[in-house]
PDB file of N, CA and C in Angstrom:
ATOM      1  N   MET A   1     180.114 217.557 138.841  1.00  0.00           N
ATOM      2  CA  MET A   1     179.489 217.933 140.057  1.00  0.00           C
ATOM      3  C   MET A   1     179.191 216.663 140.860  1.00  0.00           C
ATOM      4  N   ILE A   2     179.540 216.654 142.131  1.00  0.00           N
ATOM      5  CA  ILE A   2     179.334 215.504 143.004  1.00  0.00           C
ATOM      6  C   ILE A   2     177.993 215.664 143.703  1.00  0.00           C
ATOM      7  N   THR A   3     177.229 214.620 143.612  1.00  0.00           N
ATOM      8  CA  THR A   3     175.925 214.664 144.275  1.00  0.00           C
ATOM      9  C   THR A   3     175.957 213.789 145.510  1.00  0.00           C
ATOM     10  N   ASP A   4     175.180 214.103 146.469  1.00  0.00           N
ATOM     11  CA  ASP A   4     175.105 213.349 147.720  1.00  0.00           C
ATOM     12  C   ASP A   4     173.952 212.358 147.602  1.00  0.00           C
ATOM     13  N   GLN A   5     174.308 211.063 147.582  1.00  0.00           N
ATOM     14  CA  GLN A   5     173.284 210.031 147.471  1.00  0.00           C
ATOM     15  C   GLN A   5     173.221 209.279 148.785  1.00  0.00           C
ATOM     16  N   ARG A   6     172.035 209.038 149.237  1.00  0.00           N
ATOM     17  CA  ARG A   6     171.831 208.313 150.480  1.00  0.00           C
ATOM     18  C   ARG A   6     170.952 207.106 150.212  1.00  0.00           C
ATOM     19  N   MET A   7     171.294 206.000 150.924  1.00  0.00           N
ATOM     20  CA  MET A   7     170.503 204.776 150.793  1.00  0.00           C
ATOM     21  C   MET A   7     169.322 204.866 151.756  1.00  0.00           C
ATOM     22  N   THR A   8     168.203 204.497 151.282  1.00  0.00           N
ATOM     23  CA  THR A   8     167.029 204.471 152.151  1.00  0.00           C
ATOM     24  C   THR A   8     166.917 203.088 152.782  1.00  0.00           C
ATOM     25  N   ALA A   9     166.142 202.951 153.829  1.00  0.00           N
ATOM     26  CA  ALA A   9     166.004 201.696 154.561  1.00  0.00           C
ATOM     27  C   ALA A   9     165.353 200.622 153.690  1.00  0.00           C
ATOM     28  N   GLY A  10     164.569 200.964 152.765  1.00  0.00           N
ATOM     29  CA  GLY A  10     163.882 199.993 151.917  1.00  0.00           C
ATOM     30  C   GLY A  10     164.603 199.748 150.601  1.00  0.00           C
ATOM     31  N   SER A  11     165.921 199.958 150.547  1.00  0.00           N
ATOM     32  CA  SER A  11     166.642 199.802 149.282  1.00  0.00           C
ATOM     33  C   SER A  11     166.815 198.327 148.936  1.00  0.00           C
ATOM     34  N   ALA A  12     167.271 198.045 147.726  1.00  0.00           N
ATOM     35  CA  ALA A  12     167.383 196.683 147.221  1.00  0.00           C
ATOM     36  C   ALA A  12     168.640 195.958 147.704  1.00  0.00           C
ATOM     37  N   LEU A  13     169.630 196.671 148.242  1.00  0.00           N
ATOM     38  CA  LEU A  13     170.866 196.046 148.692  1.00  0.00           C
ATOM     39  C   LEU A  13     170.698 195.461 150.096  1.00  0.00           C
ATOM     40  N   PRO A  14     171.131 194.198 150.312  1.00  0.00           N
ATOM     41  CA  PRO A  14     171.005 193.609 151.646  1.00  0.00           C
ATOM     42  C   PRO A  14     172.073 194.167 152.590  1.00  0.00           C
ATOM     43  N   SER A  15     171.862 193.970 153.861  1.00  0.00           N
ATOM     44  CA  SER A  15     172.800 194.498 154.852  1.00  0.00           C
ATOM     45  C   SER A  15     174.072 193.656 154.871  1.00  0.00           C
ATOM     46  N   LEU A  16     175.120 194.209 155.446  1.00  0.00           N
ATOM     47  CA  LEU A  16     176.410 193.533 155.523  1.00  0.00           C
ATOM     48  C   LEU A  16     176.312 192.260 156.370  1.00  0.00           C
ATOM     49  N   GLY A  17     175.563 192.314 157.449  1.00  0.00           N
ATOM     50  CA  GLY A  17     175.390 191.132 158.313  1.00  0.00           C
ATOM     51  C   GLY A  17     174.726 189.979 157.571  1.00  0.00           C
ATOM     52  N   LEU A  18     173.730 190.291 156.750  1.00  0.00           N
ATOM     53  CA  LEU A  18     173.052 189.245 155.976  1.00  0.00           C
ATOM     54  C   LEU A  18     173.991 188.649 154.933  1.00  0.00           C
ATOM     55  N   LEU A  19     174.798 189.495 154.293  1.00  0.00           N
ATOM     56  CA  LEU A  19     175.776 188.989 153.330  1.00  0.00           C
ATOM     57  C   LEU A  19     176.790 188.071 154.002  1.00  0.00           C
ATOM     58  N   LEU A  20     177.269 188.444 155.190  1.00  0.00           N
ATOM     59  CA  LEU A  20     178.223 187.606 155.915  1.00  0.00           C
ATOM     60  C   LEU A  20     177.597 186.284 156.347  1.00  0.00           C
ATOM     61  N   ASP A  21     176.342 186.313 156.778  1.00  0.00           N
ATOM     62  CA  ASP A  21     175.660 185.073 157.153  1.00  0.00           C
ATOM     63  C   ASP A  21     175.496 184.142 155.952  1.00  0.00           C
ATOM     64  N   ASN A  22     175.143 184.709 154.808  1.00  0.00           N
ATOM     65  CA  ASN A  22     175.004 183.898 153.595  1.00  0.00           C
ATOM     66  C   ASN A  22     176.348 183.312 153.162  1.00  0.00           C
ATOM     67  N   ALA A  23     177.406 184.111 153.243  1.00  0.00           N
ATOM     68  CA  ALA A  23     178.738 183.618 152.885  1.00  0.00           C
ATOM     69  C   ALA A  23     179.193 182.532 153.848  1.00  0.00           C
ATOM     70  N   ASN A  24     178.916 182.705 155.130  1.00  0.00           N
ATOM     71  CA  ASN A  24     179.287 181.711 156.135  1.00  0.00           C
ATOM     72  C   ASN A  24     178.561 180.388 155.896  1.00  0.00           C
ATOM     73  N   SER A  25     177.272 180.439 155.592  1.00  0.00           N
ATOM     74  CA  SER A  25     176.527 179.203 155.335  1.00  0.00           C
ATOM     75  C   SER A  25     176.996 178.534 154.042  1.00  0.00           C
ATOM     76  N   LEU A  26     177.376 179.321 153.047  1.00  0.00           N
ATOM     77  CA  LEU A  26     177.906 178.759 151.803  1.00  0.00           C
ATOM     78  C   LEU A  26     179.227 178.041 152.047  1.00  0.00           C
ATOM     79  N   VAL A  27     180.110 178.641 152.829  1.00  0.00           N
ATOM     80  CA  VAL A  27     181.394 178.015 153.152  1.00  0.00           C
ATOM     81  C   VAL A  27     181.172 176.736 153.951  1.00  0.00           C
ATOM     82  N   ARG A  28     180.244 176.758 154.906  1.00  0.00           N
ATOM     83  CA  ARG A  28     179.950 175.550 155.693  1.00  0.00           C
ATOM     84  C   ARG A  28     179.396 174.429 154.822  1.00  0.00           C
ATOM     85  N   THR A  29     178.615 174.779 153.820  1.00  0.00           N
ATOM     86  CA  THR A  29     178.061 173.768 152.925  1.00  0.00           C
ATOM     87  C   THR A  29     179.144 173.167 152.036  1.00  0.00           C
ATOM     88  N   ILE A  30     179.981 174.022 151.463  1.00  0.00           N
ATOM     89  CA  ILE A  30     181.032 173.555 150.559  1.00  0.00           C
ATOM     90  C   ILE A  30     182.117 172.815 151.315  1.00  0.00           C
ATOM     91  N   ALA A  31     182.494 173.336 152.473  1.00  0.00           N
ATOM     92  CA  ALA A  31     183.609 172.774 153.230  1.00  0.00           C
ATOM     93  C   ALA A  31     183.124 171.866 154.352  1.00  0.00           C
ATOM     94  N   ALA A  32     182.217 170.977 154.039  1.00  0.00           N
ATOM     95  CA  ALA A  32     181.768 170.000 155.031  1.00  0.00           C
ATOM     96  C   ALA A  32     182.961 169.119 155.416  1.00  0.00           C
ATOM     97  N   PRO A  33     183.081 168.757 156.699  1.00  0.00           N
ATOM     98  CA  PRO A  33     184.258 167.989 157.131  1.00  0.00           C
ATOM     99  C   PRO A  33     184.469 166.692 156.347  1.00  0.00           C
ATOM    100  N   SER A  34     183.410 165.989 156.026  1.00  0.00           N
ATOM    101  CA  SER A  34     183.585 164.732 155.290  1.00  0.00           C
ATOM    102  C   SER A  34     184.118 164.985 153.881  1.00  0.00           C
ATOM    103  N   LEU A  35     183.662 166.038 153.242  1.00  0.00           N
ATOM    104  CA  LEU A  35     184.144 166.361 151.902  1.00  0.00           C
ATOM    105  C   LEU A  35     185.604 166.807 151.942  1.00  0.00           C
ATOM    106  N   VAL A  36     185.945 167.626 152.928  1.00  0.00           N
ATOM    107  CA  VAL A  36     187.328 168.093 153.061  1.00  0.00           C
ATOM    108  C   VAL A  36     188.256 166.914 153.345  1.00  0.00           C
ATOM    109  N   GLN A  37     187.837 166.001 154.223  1.00  0.00           N
ATOM    110  CA  GLN A  37     188.654 164.831 154.520  1.00  0.00           C
ATOM    111  C   GLN A  37     188.847 163.961 153.287  1.00  0.00           C
ATOM    112  N   LEU A  38     187.800 163.783 152.503  1.00  0.00           N
ATOM    113  CA  LEU A  38     187.906 162.977 151.282  1.00  0.00           C
ATOM    114  C   LEU A  38     188.880 163.603 150.297  1.00  0.00           C
ATOM    115  N   VAL A  39     188.795 164.910 150.108  1.00  0.00           N
ATOM    116  CA  VAL A  39     189.692 165.594 149.181  1.00  0.00           C
ATOM    117  C   VAL A  39     191.134 165.513 149.669  1.00  0.00           C
ATOM    118  N   LEU A  40     191.361 165.715 150.965  1.00  0.00           N
ATOM    119  CA  LEU A  40     192.722 165.648 151.506  1.00  0.00           C
ATOM    120  C   LEU A  40     193.294 164.242 151.411  1.00  0.00           C
ATOM    121  N   ARG A  41     192.489 163.218 151.683  1.00  0.00           N
ATOM    122  CA  ARG A  41     192.977 161.836 151.559  1.00  0.00           C
ATOM    123  C   ARG A  41     193.368 161.513 150.126  1.00  0.00           C
ATOM    124  N   ALA A  42     192.533 161.945 149.192  1.00  0.00           N
ATOM    125  CA  ALA A  42     192.855 161.692 147.785  1.00  0.00           C
ATOM    126  C   ALA A  42     194.107 162.445 147.369  1.00  0.00           C
ATOM    127  N   ALA A  43     194.243 163.691 147.806  1.00  0.00           N
ATOM    128  CA  ALA A  43     195.414 164.487 147.443  1.00  0.00           C
ATOM    129  C   ALA A  43     196.694 163.903 148.033  1.00  0.00           C
ATOM    130  N   LEU A  44     196.622 163.374 149.242  1.00  0.00           N
ATOM    131  CA  LEU A  44     197.801 162.769 149.851  1.00  0.00           C
ATOM    132  C   LEU A  44     198.104 161.391 149.279  1.00  0.00           C
ATOM    133  N   ALA A  45     197.108 160.704 148.764  1.00  0.00           N
ATOM    134  CA  ALA A  45     197.321 159.360 148.237  1.00  0.00           C
ATOM    135  C   ALA A  45     197.925 159.361 146.830  1.00  0.00           C
ATOM    136  N   VAL A  46     197.695 160.411 146.065  1.00  0.00           N
ATOM    137  CA  VAL A  46     198.136 160.439 144.665  1.00  0.00           C
ATOM    138  C   VAL A  46     199.642 160.248 144.504  1.00  0.00           C
ATOM    139  N   PRO A  47     200.516 160.957 145.220  1.00  0.00           N
ATOM    140  CA  PRO A  47     201.954 160.735 145.006  1.00  0.00           C
ATOM    141  C   PRO A  47     202.406 159.331 145.370  1.00  0.00           C
ATOM    142  N   PHE A  48     201.828 158.768 146.428  1.00  0.00           N
ATOM    143  CA  PHE A  48     202.208 157.410 146.815  1.00  0.00           C
ATOM    144  C   PHE A  48     201.710 156.394 145.794  1.00  0.00           C
ATOM    145  N   TRP A  49     200.506 156.608 145.282  1.00  0.00           N
ATOM    146  CA  TRP A  49     199.961 155.712 144.263  1.00  0.00           C
ATOM    147  C   TRP A  49     200.832 155.756 143.003  1.00  0.00           C
ATOM    148  N   ARG A  50     201.194 156.956 142.569  1.00  0.00           N
ATOM    149  CA  ARG A  50     202.018 157.083 141.358  1.00  0.00           C
ATOM    150  C   ARG A  50     203.395 156.469 141.541  1.00  0.00           C
ATOM    151  N   SER A  51     204.002 156.673 142.706  1.00  0.00           N
ATOM    152  CA  SER A  51     205.329 156.092 142.920  1.00  0.00           C
ATOM    153  C   SER A  51     205.259 154.572 142.953  1.00  0.00           C
ATOM    154  N   GLY A  52     204.165 154.028 143.451  1.00  0.00           N
ATOM    155  CA  GLY A  52     204.013 152.577 143.450  1.00  0.00           C
ATOM    156  C   GLY A  52     203.728 152.021 142.059  1.00  0.00           C
ATOM    157  N   ILE A  53     202.912 152.715 141.288  1.00  0.00           N
ATOM    158  CA  ILE A  53     202.540 152.242 139.953  1.00  0.00           C
ATOM    159  C   ILE A  53     203.723 152.329 138.988  1.00  0.00           C
ATOM    160  N   LEU A  54     204.600 153.312 139.163  1.00  0.00           N
ATOM    161  CA  LEU A  54     205.730 153.469 138.255  1.00  0.00           C
ATOM    162  C   LEU A  54     206.725 152.317 138.340  1.00  0.00           C
ATOM    163  N   LYS A  55     206.644 151.517 139.390  1.00  0.00           N
ATOM    164  CA  LYS A  55     207.572 150.400 139.545  1.00  0.00           C
ATOM    165  C   LYS A  55     207.120 149.140 138.802  1.00  0.00           C
ATOM    166  N   TRP A  56     205.920 149.150 138.251  1.00  0.00           N
ATOM    167  CA  TRP A  56     205.376 147.968 137.592  1.00  0.00           C
ATOM    168  C   TRP A  56     205.282 148.187 136.084  1.00  0.00           C
ATOM    169  N   ASP A  57     205.617 147.140 135.312  1.00  0.00           N
ATOM    170  CA  ASP A  57     205.445 147.184 133.858  1.00  0.00           C
ATOM    171  C   ASP A  57     204.161 146.497 133.422  1.00  0.00           C
ATOM    172  N   GLY A  58     203.664 145.617 134.208  1.00  0.00           N
ATOM    173  CA  GLY A  58     202.437 144.897 133.904  1.00  0.00           C
ATOM    174  C   GLY A  58     201.983 144.194 135.165  1.00  0.00           C
ATOM    175  N   PHE A  59     201.073 143.241 135.008  1.00  0.00           N
ATOM    176  CA  PHE A  59     200.568 142.518 136.163  1.00  0.00           C
ATOM    177  C   PHE A  59     201.672 141.640 136.748  1.00  0.00           C
ATOM    178  N   LEU A  60     202.085 141.941 137.966  1.00  0.00           N
ATOM    179  CA  LEU A  60     203.145 141.233 138.697  1.00  0.00           C
ATOM    180  C   LEU A  60     204.469 141.181 137.938  1.00  0.00           C
ATOM    181  N   ARG A  61     204.742 142.208 137.122  1.00  0.00           N
ATOM    182  CA  ARG A  61     206.022 142.322 136.414  1.00  0.00           C
ATOM    183  C   ARG A  61     206.666 143.648 136.776  1.00  0.00           C
ATOM    184  N   LEU A  62     207.773 143.594 137.483  1.00  0.00           N
ATOM    185  CA  LEU A  62     208.475 144.815 137.877  1.00  0.00           C
ATOM    186  C   LEU A  62     209.305 145.358 136.723  1.00  0.00           C
ATOM    187  N   ASN A  63     209.486 146.665 136.700  1.00  0.00           N
ATOM    188  CA  ASN A  63     210.367 147.223 135.687  1.00  0.00           C
ATOM    189  C   ASN A  63     211.821 147.110 136.148  1.00  0.00           C
ATOM    190  N   ASP A  64     212.737 147.416 135.267  1.00  0.00           N
ATOM    191  CA  ASP A  64     214.156 147.245 135.555  1.00  0.00           C
ATOM    192  C   ASP A  64     214.659 148.186 136.645  1.00  0.00           C
ATOM    193  N   THR A  65     214.051 149.347 136.765  1.00  0.00           N
ATOM    194  CA  THR A  65     214.502 150.315 137.763  1.00  0.00           C
ATOM    195  C   THR A  65     214.316 149.788 139.178  1.00  0.00           C
ATOM    196  N   ALA A  66     213.193 149.146 139.447  1.00  0.00           N
ATOM    197  CA  ALA A  66     212.935 148.622 140.791  1.00  0.00           C
ATOM    198  C   ALA A  66     213.933 147.528 141.146  1.00  0.00           C
ATOM    199  N   VAL A  67     214.261 146.671 140.192  1.00  0.00           N
ATOM    200  CA  VAL A  67     215.226 145.602 140.450  1.00  0.00           C
ATOM    201  C   VAL A  67     216.630 146.180 140.589  1.00  0.00           C
ATOM    202  N   THR A  68     216.951 147.197 139.795  1.00  0.00           N
ATOM    203  CA  THR A  68     218.269 147.835 139.880  1.00  0.00           C
ATOM    204  C   THR A  68     218.482 148.484 141.245  1.00  0.00           C
ATOM    205  N   LEU A  69     217.447 149.063 141.801  1.00  0.00           N
ATOM    206  CA  LEU A  69     217.580 149.659 143.132  1.00  0.00           C
ATOM    207  C   LEU A  69     217.988 148.610 144.164  1.00  0.00           C
ATOM    208  N   PHE A  70     217.393 147.432 144.085  1.00  0.00           N
ATOM    209  CA  PHE A  70     217.730 146.386 145.053  1.00  0.00           C
ATOM    210  C   PHE A  70     219.072 145.731 144.761  1.00  0.00           C
ATOM    211  N   SER A  71     219.497 145.744 143.521  1.00  0.00           N
ATOM    212  CA  SER A  71     220.782 145.100 143.212  1.00  0.00           C
ATOM    213  C   SER A  71     221.970 146.054 143.390  1.00  0.00           C
ATOM    214  N   ASP A  72     221.784 147.355 143.195  1.00  0.00           N
ATOM    215  CA  ASP A  72     222.905 148.290 143.253  1.00  0.00           C
ATOM    216  C   ASP A  72     222.843 149.277 144.419  1.00  0.00           C
ATOM    217  N   GLU A  73     221.670 149.821 144.707  1.00  0.00           N
ATOM    218  CA  GLU A  73     221.568 150.921 145.666  1.00  0.00           C
ATOM    219  C   GLU A  73     221.267 150.460 147.093  1.00  0.00           C
ATOM    220  N   PHE A  74     220.239 149.641 147.256  1.00  0.00           N
ATOM    221  CA  PHE A  74     219.824 149.242 148.595  1.00  0.00           C
ATOM    222  C   PHE A  74     220.789 148.204 149.149  1.00  0.00           C
ATOM    223  N   MET A  75     221.138 148.368 150.425  1.00  0.00           N
ATOM    224  CA  MET A  75     222.067 147.442 151.077  1.00  0.00           C
ATOM    225  C   MET A  75     221.532 147.080 152.453  1.00  0.00           C
ATOM    226  N   LEU A  76     221.939 145.914 152.918  1.00  0.00           N
ATOM    227  CA  LEU A  76     221.641 145.499 154.284  1.00  0.00           C
ATOM    228  C   LEU A  76     222.775 145.974 155.176  1.00  0.00           C
ATOM    229  N   HIS A  77     222.482 146.839 156.097  1.00  0.00           N
ATOM    230  CA  HIS A  77     223.507 147.364 156.997  1.00  0.00           C
ATOM    231  C   HIS A  77     223.520 146.521 158.268  1.00  0.00           C
ATOM    232  N   LEU A  78     224.279 145.460 158.219  1.00  0.00           N
ATOM    233  CA  LEU A  78     224.431 144.539 159.341  1.00  0.00           C
ATOM    234  C   LEU A  78     225.856 144.620 159.860  1.00  0.00           C
ATOM    235  N   PRO A  79     226.104 144.114 161.069  1.00  0.00           N
ATOM    236  CA  PRO A  79     227.482 144.104 161.565  1.00  0.00           C
ATOM    237  C   PRO A  79     228.406 143.377 160.588  1.00  0.00           C
ATOM    238  N   GLY A  80     229.551 143.946 160.354  1.00  0.00           N
ATOM    239  CA  GLY A  80     230.500 143.379 159.400  1.00  0.00           C
ATOM    240  C   GLY A  80     230.499 144.119 158.081  1.00  0.00           C
ATOM    241  N   GLY A  81     229.653 145.088 157.929  1.00  0.00           N
ATOM    242  CA  GLY A  81     229.644 145.883 156.712  1.00  0.00           C
ATOM    243  C   GLY A  81     228.325 145.804 155.986  1.00  0.00           C
ATOM    244  N   PRO A  82     228.098 146.707 155.074  1.00  0.00           N
ATOM    245  CA  PRO A  82     226.870 146.635 154.270  1.00  0.00           C
ATOM    246  C   PRO A  82     226.960 145.501 153.258  1.00  0.00           C
ATOM    247  N   TYR A  83     225.879 144.762 153.142  1.00  0.00           N
ATOM    248  CA  TYR A  83     225.804 143.626 152.223  1.00  0.00           C
ATOM    249  C   TYR A  83     224.715 143.876 151.193  1.00  0.00           C
ATOM    250  N   HIS A  84     224.906 143.327 149.999  1.00  0.00           N
ATOM    251  CA  HIS A  84     223.872 143.405 148.964  1.00  0.00           C
ATOM    252  C   HIS A  84     222.721 142.480 149.332  1.00  0.00           C
ATOM    253  N   PHE A  85     221.532 142.829 148.854  1.00  0.00           N
ATOM    254  CA  PHE A  85     220.373 141.980 149.099  1.00  0.00           C
ATOM    255  C   PHE A  85     220.529 140.662 148.344  1.00  0.00           C
ATOM    256  N   PRO A  86     220.179 139.547 148.983  1.00  0.00           N
ATOM    257  CA  PRO A  86     220.166 138.288 148.238  1.00  0.00           C
ATOM    258  C   PRO A  86     218.939 138.257 147.324  1.00  0.00           C
ATOM    259  N   ALA A  87     219.085 137.798 146.128  1.00  0.00           N
ATOM    260  CA  ALA A  87     218.008 137.707 145.131  1.00  0.00           C
ATOM    261  C   ALA A  87     217.254 139.042 145.018  1.00  0.00           C
ATOM    262  N   PRO A  88     217.883 140.052 144.424  1.00  0.00           N
ATOM    263  CA  PRO A  88     217.253 141.382 144.377  1.00  0.00           C
ATOM    264  C   PRO A  88     215.911 141.403 143.654  1.00  0.00           C
ATOM    265  N   ALA A  89     215.726 140.562 142.641  1.00  0.00           N
ATOM    266  CA  ALA A  89     214.438 140.553 141.929  1.00  0.00           C
ATOM    267  C   ALA A  89     213.325 140.044 142.839  1.00  0.00           C
ATOM    268  N   VAL A  90     213.630 139.016 143.622  1.00  0.00           N
ATOM    269  CA  VAL A  90     212.623 138.475 144.547  1.00  0.00           C
ATOM    270  C   VAL A  90     212.316 139.488 145.646  1.00  0.00           C
ATOM    271  N   MET A  91     213.355 140.119 146.180  1.00  0.00           N
ATOM    272  CA  MET A  91     213.161 141.124 147.234  1.00  0.00           C
ATOM    273  C   MET A  91     212.348 142.315 146.722  1.00  0.00           C
ATOM    274  N   ALA A  92     212.635 142.763 145.507  1.00  0.00           N
ATOM    275  CA  ALA A  92     211.885 143.888 144.934  1.00  0.00           C
ATOM    276  C   ALA A  92     210.424 143.505 144.731  1.00  0.00           C
ATOM    277  N   SER A  93     210.186 142.289 144.251  1.00  0.00           N
ATOM    278  CA  SER A  93     208.805 141.831 144.048  1.00  0.00           C
ATOM    279  C   SER A  93     208.063 141.735 145.370  1.00  0.00           C
ATOM    280  N   CYS A  94     208.717 141.155 146.380  1.00  0.00           N
ATOM    281  CA  CYS A  94     208.074 141.029 147.696  1.00  0.00           C
ATOM    282  C   CYS A  94     207.753 142.400 148.282  1.00  0.00           C
ATOM    283  N   ARG A  95     208.687 143.318 148.162  1.00  0.00           N
ATOM    284  CA  ARG A  95     208.467 144.657 148.703  1.00  0.00           C
ATOM    285  C   ARG A  95     207.296 145.348 148.014  1.00  0.00           C
ATOM    286  N   ASP A  96     207.232 145.271 146.699  1.00  0.00           N
ATOM    287  CA  ASP A  96     206.183 145.988 145.984  1.00  0.00           C
ATOM    288  C   ASP A  96     204.816 145.330 146.128  1.00  0.00           C
ATOM    289  N   VAL A  97     204.772 144.015 146.217  1.00  0.00           N
ATOM    290  CA  VAL A  97     203.493 143.346 146.468  1.00  0.00           C
ATOM    291  C   VAL A  97     203.005 143.684 147.874  1.00  0.00           C
ATOM    292  N   ALA A  98     203.919 143.646 148.850  1.00  0.00           N
ATOM    293  CA  ALA A  98     203.546 143.995 150.225  1.00  0.00           C
ATOM    294  C   ALA A  98     203.097 145.447 150.306  1.00  0.00           C
ATOM    295  N   ARG A  99     203.773 146.314 149.593  1.00  0.00           N
ATOM    296  CA  ARG A  99     203.404 147.730 149.606  1.00  0.00           C
ATOM    297  C   ARG A  99     201.994 147.920 149.056  1.00  0.00           C
ATOM    298  N   SER A 100     201.668 147.213 147.982  1.00  0.00           N
ATOM    299  CA  SER A 100     200.324 147.323 147.410  1.00  0.00           C
ATOM    300  C   SER A 100     199.269 146.808 148.387  1.00  0.00           C
ATOM    301  N   CYS A 101     199.573 145.695 149.065  1.00  0.00           N
ATOM    302  CA  CYS A 101     198.628 145.145 150.044  1.00  0.00           C
ATOM    303  C   CYS A 101     198.442 146.098 151.220  1.00  0.00           C
ATOM    304  N   PHE A 102     199.532 146.661 151.726  1.00  0.00           N
ATOM    305  CA  PHE A 102     199.437 147.582 152.851  1.00  0.00           C
ATOM    306  C   PHE A 102     198.691 148.852 152.463  1.00  0.00           C
ATOM    307  N   GLN A 103     198.886 149.319 151.241  1.00  0.00           N
ATOM    308  CA  GLN A 103     198.151 150.504 150.802  1.00  0.00           C
ATOM    309  C   GLN A 103     196.664 150.216 150.719  1.00  0.00           C
ATOM    310  N   SER A 104     196.302 149.015 150.256  1.00  0.00           N
ATOM    311  CA  SER A 104     194.891 148.652 150.187  1.00  0.00           C
ATOM    312  C   SER A 104     194.287 148.585 151.585  1.00  0.00           C
ATOM    313  N   CYS A 105     195.018 147.988 152.529  1.00  0.00           N
ATOM    314  CA  CYS A 105     194.534 147.914 153.908  1.00  0.00           C
ATOM    315  C   CYS A 105     194.412 149.303 154.513  1.00  0.00           C
ATOM    316  N   TRP A 106     195.380 150.171 154.236  1.00  0.00           N
ATOM    317  CA  TRP A 106     195.338 151.524 154.774  1.00  0.00           C
ATOM    318  C   TRP A 106     194.140 152.293 154.223  1.00  0.00           C
ATOM    319  N   CYS A 107     193.854 152.104 152.938  1.00  0.00           N
ATOM    320  CA  CYS A 107     192.684 152.764 152.352  1.00  0.00           C
ATOM    321  C   CYS A 107     191.402 152.264 153.011  1.00  0.00           C
ATOM    322  N   TRP A 108     191.331 150.959 153.292  1.00  0.00           N
ATOM    323  CA  TRP A 108     190.152 150.386 153.947  1.00  0.00           C
ATOM    324  C   TRP A 108     189.994 150.967 155.349  1.00  0.00           C
ATOM    325  N   VAL A 109     191.098 151.019 156.103  1.00  0.00           N
ATOM    326  CA  VAL A 109     191.041 151.549 157.463  1.00  0.00           C
ATOM    327  C   VAL A 109     190.672 153.026 157.448  1.00  0.00           C
ATOM    328  N   SER A 110     191.207 153.778 156.505  1.00  0.00           N
ATOM    329  CA  SER A 110     190.892 155.205 156.421  1.00  0.00           C
ATOM    330  C   SER A 110     189.419 155.425 156.105  1.00  0.00           C
ATOM    331  N   ALA A 111     188.877 154.578 155.258  1.00  0.00           N
ATOM    332  CA  ALA A 111     187.486 154.759 154.848  1.00  0.00           C
ATOM    333  C   ALA A 111     186.499 154.249 155.897  1.00  0.00           C
ATOM    334  N   HIS A 112     186.846 153.153 156.591  1.00  0.00           N
ATOM    335  CA  HIS A 112     185.877 152.513 157.479  1.00  0.00           C
ATOM    336  C   HIS A 112     186.228 152.611 158.958  1.00  0.00           C
ATOM    337  N   GLY A 113     187.413 153.021 159.297  1.00  0.00           N
ATOM    338  CA  GLY A 113     187.765 153.191 160.689  1.00  0.00           C
ATOM    339  C   GLY A 113     188.390 151.979 161.342  1.00  0.00           C
ATOM    340  N   SER A 114     188.215 150.794 160.784  1.00  0.00           N
ATOM    341  CA  SER A 114     188.840 149.599 161.352  1.00  0.00           C
ATOM    342  C   SER A 114     188.890 148.527 160.277  1.00  0.00           C
ATOM    343  N   LEU A 115     189.632 147.463 160.564  1.00  0.00           N
ATOM    344  CA  LEU A 115     189.714 146.344 159.624  1.00  0.00           C
ATOM    345  C   LEU A 115     188.515 145.414 159.758  1.00  0.00           C
ATOM    346  N   ARG A 116     187.772 145.498 160.870  1.00  0.00           N
ATOM    347  CA  ARG A 116     186.636 144.612 161.099  1.00  0.00           C
ATOM    348  C   ARG A 116     185.455 145.097 160.284  1.00  0.00           C
ATOM    349  N   SER A 117     184.893 144.212 159.533  1.00  0.00           N
ATOM    350  CA  SER A 117     183.715 144.568 158.745  1.00  0.00           C
ATOM    351  C   SER A 117     182.453 144.307 159.581  1.00  0.00           C
ATOM    352  N   ASP A 118     181.460 145.123 159.438  1.00  0.00           N
ATOM    353  CA  ASP A 118     180.205 144.935 160.171  1.00  0.00           C
ATOM    354  C   ASP A 118     179.446 143.723 159.658  1.00  0.00           C
ATOM    355  N   TYR A 119     179.752 143.283 158.465  1.00  0.00           N
ATOM    356  CA  TYR A 119     179.047 142.147 157.896  1.00  0.00           C
ATOM    357  C   TYR A 119     179.611 140.814 158.367  1.00  0.00           C
ATOM    358  N   CYS A 120     180.785 140.823 158.982  1.00  0.00           N
ATOM    359  CA  CYS A 120     181.426 139.571 159.387  1.00  0.00           C
ATOM    360  C   CYS A 120     181.057 139.166 160.802  1.00  0.00           C
ATOM    361  N   SER A 121     180.353 139.976 161.542  1.00  0.00           N
ATOM    362  CA  SER A 121     180.061 139.635 162.935  1.00  0.00           C
ATOM    363  C   SER A 121     178.805 138.825 163.107  1.00  0.00           C
TER     364      SER A 121
END
């Protein structure tokens, strides 16, 4: 048998508008712009960090794959035909050291907005 139940005005369940307001404030708290930006920056940085780290075997020691890329795969496309890089080990080292420095500078700029430090003025 189906009974007809009606909610009274003084019932324990909150109204739909109050539930939506509470959910909206919860989302605003969790998804603060600074937190979202931090998470997105970290998520975008991970693949680049891993690809850079995989090229190193130790401190300032490149693995064989990075040197092989410069000796076999990468070429200088200049007039007269593609040429192999001169001193592929040196070129690979310079590229990866520069890449690490540029990534550090980019992280600084992303975090602080500029390369100028407030403490240096």
